[in-house]
N, C-alpha and C. Protein backbone atom coordinates (compact mmCIF):
# COMPACT_ATOMS: atom_id res chain seq x y z
N UNK A 1 -76.87 12.97 -92.89
CA UNK A 1 -76.61 12.28 -94.14
C UNK A 1 -76.26 10.82 -93.88
N UNK A 2 -75.52 10.55 -92.84
CA UNK A 2 -75.12 9.17 -92.54
C UNK A 2 -76.32 8.34 -92.11
N UNK A 3 -77.23 8.94 -91.37
CA UNK A 3 -78.38 8.21 -90.83
C UNK A 3 -79.27 7.64 -91.92
N UNK A 4 -79.31 8.25 -93.07
CA UNK A 4 -80.21 7.76 -94.12
C UNK A 4 -79.79 6.39 -94.66
N UNK A 5 -78.55 5.98 -94.39
CA UNK A 5 -78.08 4.66 -94.81
C UNK A 5 -78.40 3.58 -93.78
N UNK A 6 -78.99 3.98 -92.64
CA UNK A 6 -79.42 3.07 -91.58
C UNK A 6 -78.33 2.07 -91.17
N UNK A 7 -77.17 2.56 -90.75
CA UNK A 7 -76.10 1.63 -90.37
C UNK A 7 -76.47 0.84 -89.11
N UNK A 8 -75.81 -0.30 -88.93
CA UNK A 8 -76.06 -1.16 -87.77
C UNK A 8 -75.25 -0.75 -86.55
N UNK A 9 -74.65 0.40 -86.59
CA UNK A 9 -73.85 0.90 -85.47
C UNK A 9 -74.46 2.20 -84.97
N UNK A 10 -74.19 2.55 -83.71
CA UNK A 10 -74.77 3.79 -83.17
C UNK A 10 -74.20 5.03 -83.88
N UNK A 11 -75.05 6.02 -84.01
CA UNK A 11 -74.62 7.33 -84.52
C UNK A 11 -74.78 8.31 -83.37
N UNK A 12 -73.66 8.83 -82.90
CA UNK A 12 -73.67 9.81 -81.82
C UNK A 12 -73.49 11.19 -82.43
N UNK A 13 -74.42 12.06 -82.18
CA UNK A 13 -74.34 13.42 -82.71
C UNK A 13 -74.05 14.40 -81.59
N UNK A 14 -72.87 14.99 -81.61
CA UNK A 14 -72.48 15.94 -80.58
C UNK A 14 -73.06 17.31 -80.92
N UNK A 15 -73.83 17.86 -80.00
CA UNK A 15 -74.46 19.17 -80.19
C UNK A 15 -73.96 20.14 -79.14
N UNK A 16 -73.67 21.35 -79.57
CA UNK A 16 -73.15 22.35 -78.63
C UNK A 16 -74.25 23.24 -78.07
N UNK A 17 -75.50 23.04 -78.52
CA UNK A 17 -76.60 23.81 -77.95
C UNK A 17 -77.90 23.01 -78.07
N UNK A 18 -78.94 23.49 -77.40
CA UNK A 18 -80.22 22.78 -77.35
C UNK A 18 -80.88 22.71 -78.74
N UNK A 19 -80.80 23.77 -79.51
CA UNK A 19 -81.44 23.78 -80.82
C UNK A 19 -80.86 22.69 -81.73
N UNK A 20 -79.55 22.57 -81.77
CA UNK A 20 -78.93 21.54 -82.60
C UNK A 20 -79.22 20.14 -82.08
N UNK A 21 -79.31 20.00 -80.77
CA UNK A 21 -79.67 18.70 -80.19
C UNK A 21 -81.07 18.30 -80.64
N UNK A 22 -82.00 19.23 -80.64
CA UNK A 22 -83.36 18.95 -81.09
C UNK A 22 -83.39 18.58 -82.57
N UNK A 23 -82.58 19.24 -83.37
CA UNK A 23 -82.51 18.91 -84.80
C UNK A 23 -82.00 17.48 -85.00
N UNK A 24 -81.01 17.09 -84.19
CA UNK A 24 -80.47 15.73 -84.30
C UNK A 24 -81.49 14.68 -83.91
N UNK A 25 -82.40 15.02 -83.00
CA UNK A 25 -83.45 14.09 -82.60
C UNK A 25 -84.34 13.71 -83.78
N UNK A 26 -84.42 14.55 -84.77
CA UNK A 26 -85.28 14.31 -85.93
C UNK A 26 -84.65 13.36 -86.95
N UNK A 27 -83.39 13.01 -86.77
CA UNK A 27 -82.71 12.11 -87.69
C UNK A 27 -82.80 10.68 -87.18
N UNK A 28 -83.21 9.76 -88.04
CA UNK A 28 -83.39 8.37 -87.67
C UNK A 28 -82.09 7.78 -87.12
N UNK A 29 -82.18 7.16 -85.95
CA UNK A 29 -81.05 6.43 -85.39
C UNK A 29 -79.94 7.26 -84.78
N UNK A 30 -80.10 8.56 -84.71
CA UNK A 30 -79.06 9.42 -84.16
C UNK A 30 -79.33 9.64 -82.67
N UNK A 31 -78.30 9.41 -81.87
CA UNK A 31 -78.38 9.66 -80.44
C UNK A 31 -77.68 10.99 -80.16
N UNK A 32 -78.45 12.06 -79.96
CA UNK A 32 -77.81 13.35 -79.73
C UNK A 32 -77.23 13.45 -78.33
N UNK A 33 -76.04 13.99 -78.27
CA UNK A 33 -75.34 14.17 -77.00
C UNK A 33 -75.02 15.64 -76.84
N UNK A 34 -75.49 16.23 -75.74
CA UNK A 34 -75.22 17.64 -75.49
C UNK A 34 -73.83 17.78 -74.90
N UNK A 35 -72.94 18.40 -75.66
CA UNK A 35 -71.59 18.63 -75.16
C UNK A 35 -71.41 20.08 -74.71
N UNK A 36 -72.46 20.88 -74.86
CA UNK A 36 -72.39 22.28 -74.43
C UNK A 36 -71.28 23.02 -75.12
N UNK A 37 -70.85 24.07 -74.51
CA UNK A 37 -69.73 24.85 -75.02
C UNK A 37 -68.44 24.37 -74.38
N UNK A 38 -68.41 23.08 -74.04
CA UNK A 38 -67.27 22.41 -73.42
C UNK A 38 -67.04 22.98 -72.03
N UNK A 39 -66.26 24.00 -71.88
CA UNK A 39 -66.02 24.60 -70.57
C UNK A 39 -65.81 26.09 -70.77
N UNK A 40 -66.10 26.86 -69.74
CA UNK A 40 -65.95 28.31 -69.82
C UNK A 40 -64.51 28.67 -70.17
N UNK A 41 -64.34 29.55 -71.12
CA UNK A 41 -62.99 30.00 -71.49
C UNK A 41 -62.29 29.10 -72.48
N UNK A 42 -62.91 27.97 -72.89
CA UNK A 42 -62.26 27.07 -73.83
C UNK A 42 -62.58 27.38 -75.28
N UNK A 43 -63.52 28.29 -75.53
CA UNK A 43 -63.92 28.56 -76.91
C UNK A 43 -62.74 28.90 -77.81
N UNK A 44 -61.77 29.60 -77.28
CA UNK A 44 -60.61 29.97 -78.09
C UNK A 44 -59.83 28.73 -78.53
N UNK A 45 -59.87 27.65 -77.71
CA UNK A 45 -59.14 26.43 -78.04
C UNK A 45 -59.90 25.57 -79.04
N UNK A 46 -61.18 25.82 -79.22
CA UNK A 46 -62.01 24.96 -80.04
C UNK A 46 -62.18 25.49 -81.46
N UNK A 47 -61.13 26.04 -81.98
CA UNK A 47 -61.19 26.59 -83.34
C UNK A 47 -60.69 25.59 -84.37
N UNK A 48 -60.18 24.47 -83.94
CA UNK A 48 -59.72 23.47 -84.90
C UNK A 48 -60.41 22.14 -84.59
N UNK A 49 -60.54 21.32 -85.61
CA UNK A 49 -61.29 20.07 -85.47
C UNK A 49 -60.63 19.11 -84.49
N UNK A 50 -59.32 19.14 -84.37
CA UNK A 50 -58.63 18.24 -83.44
C UNK A 50 -59.05 18.53 -82.00
N UNK A 51 -59.11 19.79 -81.62
CA UNK A 51 -59.53 20.16 -80.27
C UNK A 51 -60.97 19.76 -79.99
N UNK A 52 -61.83 19.95 -80.99
CA UNK A 52 -63.24 19.58 -80.82
C UNK A 52 -63.37 18.07 -80.70
N UNK A 53 -62.63 17.31 -81.52
CA UNK A 53 -62.68 15.85 -81.43
C UNK A 53 -62.25 15.37 -80.04
N UNK A 54 -61.15 15.91 -79.54
CA UNK A 54 -60.67 15.50 -78.21
C UNK A 54 -61.69 15.84 -77.14
N UNK A 55 -62.25 17.04 -77.20
CA UNK A 55 -63.23 17.46 -76.19
C UNK A 55 -64.48 16.58 -76.24
N UNK A 56 -64.99 16.33 -77.44
CA UNK A 56 -66.19 15.49 -77.57
C UNK A 56 -65.93 14.05 -77.14
N UNK A 57 -64.80 13.49 -77.55
CA UNK A 57 -64.51 12.11 -77.17
C UNK A 57 -64.31 11.98 -75.66
N UNK A 58 -63.73 12.98 -75.02
CA UNK A 58 -63.58 12.95 -73.56
C UNK A 58 -64.94 12.96 -72.88
N UNK A 59 -65.86 13.78 -73.38
CA UNK A 59 -67.20 13.84 -72.80
C UNK A 59 -67.93 12.52 -73.01
N UNK A 60 -67.84 11.96 -74.21
CA UNK A 60 -68.51 10.70 -74.51
C UNK A 60 -67.93 9.54 -73.69
N UNK A 61 -66.63 9.56 -73.45
CA UNK A 61 -66.03 8.53 -72.59
C UNK A 61 -66.52 8.68 -71.16
N UNK A 62 -66.61 9.90 -70.66
CA UNK A 62 -67.06 10.11 -69.28
C UNK A 62 -68.52 9.71 -69.10
N UNK A 63 -69.31 9.74 -70.18
CA UNK A 63 -70.72 9.33 -70.12
C UNK A 63 -70.90 7.84 -70.42
N UNK A 64 -69.80 7.13 -70.66
CA UNK A 64 -69.86 5.70 -70.92
C UNK A 64 -70.32 5.33 -72.32
N UNK A 65 -70.31 6.27 -73.23
CA UNK A 65 -70.76 6.00 -74.60
C UNK A 65 -69.62 5.54 -75.51
N UNK A 66 -68.40 5.84 -75.12
CA UNK A 66 -67.21 5.40 -75.84
C UNK A 66 -66.21 4.83 -74.85
N UNK A 67 -65.37 3.94 -75.34
CA UNK A 67 -64.28 3.37 -74.53
C UNK A 67 -62.99 3.48 -75.31
N UNK A 68 -61.89 3.44 -74.60
CA UNK A 68 -60.59 3.43 -75.26
C UNK A 68 -60.53 2.22 -76.17
N UNK A 69 -60.03 2.42 -77.37
CA UNK A 69 -59.92 1.34 -78.34
C UNK A 69 -61.07 1.29 -79.33
N UNK A 70 -62.19 1.99 -79.05
CA UNK A 70 -63.31 2.03 -79.99
C UNK A 70 -62.87 2.70 -81.28
N UNK A 71 -63.41 2.20 -82.38
CA UNK A 71 -63.14 2.78 -83.69
C UNK A 71 -64.35 3.64 -84.06
N UNK A 72 -64.10 4.90 -84.43
CA UNK A 72 -65.20 5.81 -84.77
C UNK A 72 -64.95 6.44 -86.13
N UNK A 73 -66.04 6.78 -86.79
CA UNK A 73 -65.98 7.58 -88.00
C UNK A 73 -66.42 8.97 -87.59
N UNK A 74 -65.58 9.93 -87.81
CA UNK A 74 -65.76 11.30 -87.34
C UNK A 74 -66.00 12.19 -88.54
N UNK A 75 -67.08 12.95 -88.52
CA UNK A 75 -67.32 13.92 -89.59
C UNK A 75 -67.37 15.31 -88.97
N UNK A 76 -66.88 16.27 -89.70
CA UNK A 76 -66.86 17.65 -89.21
C UNK A 76 -66.70 18.57 -90.41
N UNK A 77 -66.73 19.85 -90.14
CA UNK A 77 -66.51 20.85 -91.18
C UNK A 77 -65.34 21.73 -90.84
N UNK A 78 -64.68 22.23 -91.87
CA UNK A 78 -63.52 23.09 -91.61
C UNK A 78 -63.94 24.41 -90.98
N UNK A 79 -65.18 24.82 -91.21
CA UNK A 79 -65.72 25.99 -90.52
C UNK A 79 -66.57 25.48 -89.37
N UNK A 80 -65.97 25.39 -88.20
CA UNK A 80 -66.65 24.80 -87.05
C UNK A 80 -67.88 25.60 -86.66
N UNK A 81 -68.93 24.88 -86.29
CA UNK A 81 -70.19 25.46 -85.82
C UNK A 81 -70.93 26.24 -86.90
N UNK A 82 -70.62 25.99 -88.17
CA UNK A 82 -71.32 26.62 -89.28
C UNK A 82 -72.06 25.52 -90.04
N UNK A 83 -73.39 25.56 -90.06
CA UNK A 83 -74.16 24.51 -90.74
C UNK A 83 -73.82 24.40 -92.22
N UNK A 84 -73.82 23.16 -92.71
CA UNK A 84 -73.61 22.92 -94.13
C UNK A 84 -72.17 22.94 -94.59
N UNK A 85 -71.22 22.93 -93.67
CA UNK A 85 -69.81 23.01 -94.08
C UNK A 85 -69.06 21.70 -93.84
N UNK A 86 -69.78 20.60 -93.69
CA UNK A 86 -69.12 19.31 -93.45
C UNK A 86 -68.30 18.93 -94.67
N UNK A 87 -66.99 18.83 -94.48
CA UNK A 87 -66.10 18.47 -95.59
C UNK A 87 -64.96 17.57 -95.13
N UNK A 88 -65.14 16.94 -93.97
CA UNK A 88 -64.09 16.11 -93.39
C UNK A 88 -64.70 14.81 -92.89
N UNK A 89 -64.07 13.70 -93.22
CA UNK A 89 -64.45 12.41 -92.66
C UNK A 89 -63.16 11.66 -92.34
N UNK A 90 -63.07 11.15 -91.11
CA UNK A 90 -61.88 10.43 -90.65
C UNK A 90 -62.31 9.20 -89.87
N UNK A 91 -61.48 8.19 -89.93
CA UNK A 91 -61.66 7.02 -89.07
C UNK A 91 -60.59 7.11 -88.00
N UNK A 92 -61.03 7.06 -86.74
CA UNK A 92 -60.11 7.22 -85.62
C UNK A 92 -60.34 6.16 -84.56
N UNK A 93 -59.29 5.86 -83.84
CA UNK A 93 -59.40 4.97 -82.69
C UNK A 93 -59.34 5.84 -81.44
N UNK A 94 -60.29 5.59 -80.52
CA UNK A 94 -60.36 6.37 -79.28
C UNK A 94 -59.22 5.97 -78.36
N UNK A 95 -58.53 6.95 -77.83
CA UNK A 95 -57.40 6.71 -76.92
C UNK A 95 -57.85 6.71 -75.48
C-alpha cells in the first residue's frame, strides 16, 4: 500500500519466507529482505510486534541497511504473520 505513493525513501519489506519475499518483489520500489524465522526456538518470543521490530531492525542493521539514529515508519498487524491484518503504523528511531 505504501509503495503506490512512490515515496522518495527506501521501502524495506521484511519477509519471513521465500513466498512472501517474492510477493514483495512485485511491489514497485520495495526492497525485500529475508529475515527468515529469526532463529531456531525464537518463534515463541515473536508473538508481539515489539519483538518482531527488534529482531528485524537488528537484522537490517547487521546487513548495513539501517543505522542507529535512522527514522523509520513501521507497519505491522496485530495478528502477526496473517495477511491482510495490518492495523499498526508507528514512527520509530533505530537504536
